[in-house]
C-alpha atoms as a PDB file:
ATOM      1  CA  UNK A   1      18.179  -1.281   1.778  1.00  0.00           C
ATOM      2  CA  UNK A   2      15.689  -2.463   4.397  1.00  0.00           C
ATOM      3  CA  UNK A   3      12.627  -4.638   4.539  1.00  0.00           C
ATOM      4  CA  UNK A   4       9.864  -4.194   1.960  1.00  0.00           C
ATOM      5  CA  UNK A   5       6.118  -4.250   2.576  1.00  0.00           C
ATOM      6  CA  UNK A   6       3.667  -5.190  -0.207  1.00  0.00           C
ATOM      7  CA  UNK A   7      -0.041  -4.369  -0.103  1.00  0.00           C
ATOM      8  CA  UNK A   8      -3.256  -5.141  -1.965  1.00  0.00           C
ATOM      9  CA  UNK A   9      -5.538  -2.373  -3.244  1.00  0.00           C
ATOM     10  CA  UNK A  10      -8.830  -2.536  -5.152  1.00  0.00           C
ATOM     11  CA  UNK A  11      -9.029  -0.840  -8.543  1.00  0.00           C
ATOM     12  CA  UNK A  12     -11.859   1.733  -8.501  1.00  0.00           C
ATOM     13  CA  UNK A  13     -12.645   1.059 -12.178  1.00  0.00           C
ATOM     14  CA  UNK A  14     -12.856  -2.741 -12.467  1.00  0.00           C
ATOM     15  CA  UNK A  15     -12.992  -3.553  -8.714  1.00  0.00           C
ATOM     16  CA  UNK A  16     -10.277  -6.216  -8.960  1.00  0.00           C
ATOM     17  CA  UNK A  17      -7.842  -6.646  -6.073  1.00  0.00           C
ATOM     18  CA  UNK A  18      -4.298  -5.941  -7.212  1.00  0.00           C
ATOM     19  CA  UNK A  19      -1.016  -6.695  -5.446  1.00  0.00           C
ATOM     20  CA  UNK A  20       0.952  -3.460  -5.431  1.00  0.00           C
ATOM     21  CA  UNK A  21       4.652  -2.736  -5.370  1.00  0.00           C
ATOM     22  CA  UNK A  22       6.309  -3.017  -2.003  1.00  0.00           C
ATOM     23  CA  UNK A  23       7.235  -0.090   0.211  1.00  0.00           C
ATOM     24  CA  UNK A  24      10.685   0.283   1.662  1.00  0.00           C
ATOM     25  CA  UNK A  25      10.962   1.531   5.240  1.00  0.00           C
ATOM     26  CA  UNK A  26      11.729   5.035   3.928  1.00  0.00           C
ATOM     27  CA  UNK A  27       8.657   5.054   1.683  1.00  0.00           C
ATOM     28  CA  UNK A  28       6.549   3.737   4.563  1.00  0.00           C
ATOM     29  CA  UNK A  29       7.778   6.597   6.762  1.00  0.00           C
ATOM     30  CA  UNK A  30       6.670   9.097   4.090  1.00  0.00           C
ATOM     31  CA  UNK A  31       3.294   7.319   3.880  1.00  0.00           C
ATOM     32  CA  UNK A  32       2.863   7.645   7.649  1.00  0.00           C
ATOM     33  CA  UNK A  33       3.711  11.361   7.462  1.00  0.00           C
ATOM     34  CA  UNK A  34       0.730  11.781   5.128  1.00  0.00           C
ATOM     35  CA  UNK A  35       2.576  13.728   2.465  1.00  0.00           C
ATOM     36  CA  UNK A  36       3.479  10.753   0.313  1.00  0.00           C
ATOM     37  CA  UNK A  37       1.094  10.234  -2.618  1.00  0.00           C
ATOM     38  CA  UNK A  38       0.328   6.550  -3.000  1.00  0.00           C
ATOM     39  CA  UNK A  39      -0.658   5.267  -6.408  1.00  0.00           C
ATOM     40  CA  UNK A  40      -1.982   1.870  -7.335  1.00  0.00           C
ATOM     41  CA  UNK A  41      -1.675   0.213 -10.719  1.00  0.00           C
ATOM     42  CA  UNK A  42      -4.279  -2.105 -12.258  1.00  0.00           C
ATOM     43  CA  UNK A  43      -2.989  -4.754 -14.651  1.00  0.00           C
ATOM     44  CA  UNK A  44      -6.544  -5.386 -15.904  1.00  0.00           C
ATOM     45  CA  UNK A  45      -7.368  -1.763 -16.798  1.00  0.00           C
ATOM     46  CA  UNK A  46      -3.741  -0.758 -17.418  1.00  0.00           C
ATOM     47  CA  UNK A  47      -4.164   2.443 -15.441  1.00  0.00           C
ATOM     48  CA  UNK A  48      -2.920   4.158 -12.286  1.00  0.00           C
ATOM     49  CA  UNK A  49      -5.096   5.629  -9.550  1.00  0.00           C
ATOM     50  CA  UNK A  50      -4.474   7.444  -6.282  1.00  0.00           C
ATOM     51  CA  UNK A  51      -5.040   5.288  -3.222  1.00  0.00           C
ATOM     52  CA  UNK A  52      -7.751   6.780  -1.006  1.00  0.00           C
ATOM     53  CA  UNK A  53      -7.126   7.905   2.557  1.00  0.00           C
ATOM     54  CA  UNK A  54      -9.225   4.984   3.838  1.00  0.00           C
ATOM     55  CA  UNK A  55      -7.084   2.503   1.921  1.00  0.00           C
ATOM     56  CA  UNK A  56      -3.906   4.202   3.157  1.00  0.00           C
ATOM     57  CA  UNK A  57      -5.071   3.655   6.752  1.00  0.00           C
ATOM     58  CA  UNK A  58      -5.837  -0.005   5.958  1.00  0.00           C
ATOM     59  CA  UNK A  59      -2.346  -0.432   4.450  1.00  0.00           C
ATOM     60  CA  UNK A  60      -0.732   1.022   7.578  1.00  0.00           C
ATOM     61  CA  UNK A  61      -2.857  -1.203   9.861  1.00  0.00           C
ATOM     62  CA  UNK A  62      -1.992  -4.318   7.845  1.00  0.00           C
ATOM     63  CA  UNK A  63       1.716  -3.522   7.926  1.00  0.00           C
ATOM     64  CA  UNK A  64       1.555  -2.835  11.669  1.00  0.00           C
ATOM     65  CA  UNK A  65      -0.194  -6.177  12.334  1.00  0.00           C
ATOM     66  CA  UNK A  66       2.335  -8.026  10.168  1.00  0.00           C
ATOM     67  CA  UNK A  67       5.216  -6.356  11.982  1.00  0.00           C
ATOM     68  CA  UNK A  68       3.699  -7.219  15.369  1.00  0.00           C
ATOM     69  CA  UNK A  69       3.338 -10.903  14.395  1.00  0.00           C
ATOM     70  CA  UNK A  70       6.969 -11.000  13.255  1.00  0.00           C
ATOM     71  CA  UNK A  71       8.123  -9.562  16.583  1.00  0.00           C
ATOM     72  CA  UNK A  72       6.179 -12.169  18.579  1.00  0.00           C
END
């Protein structure tokens, strides 16, 4: 199935940081292609929201740094 990558996103409504479901390598590839809609879910507000482009870039950077540390 492949390695999974979790990420944290901030709910735009209540501003709480929420750990989000992990990406598989296939889902990460779709995220990198830019055509993959990424939704977050807030357990406090009980609602979904679309992750902004800025947050998507931060997710990719975090995953890339984690992968680089693993390889070292």
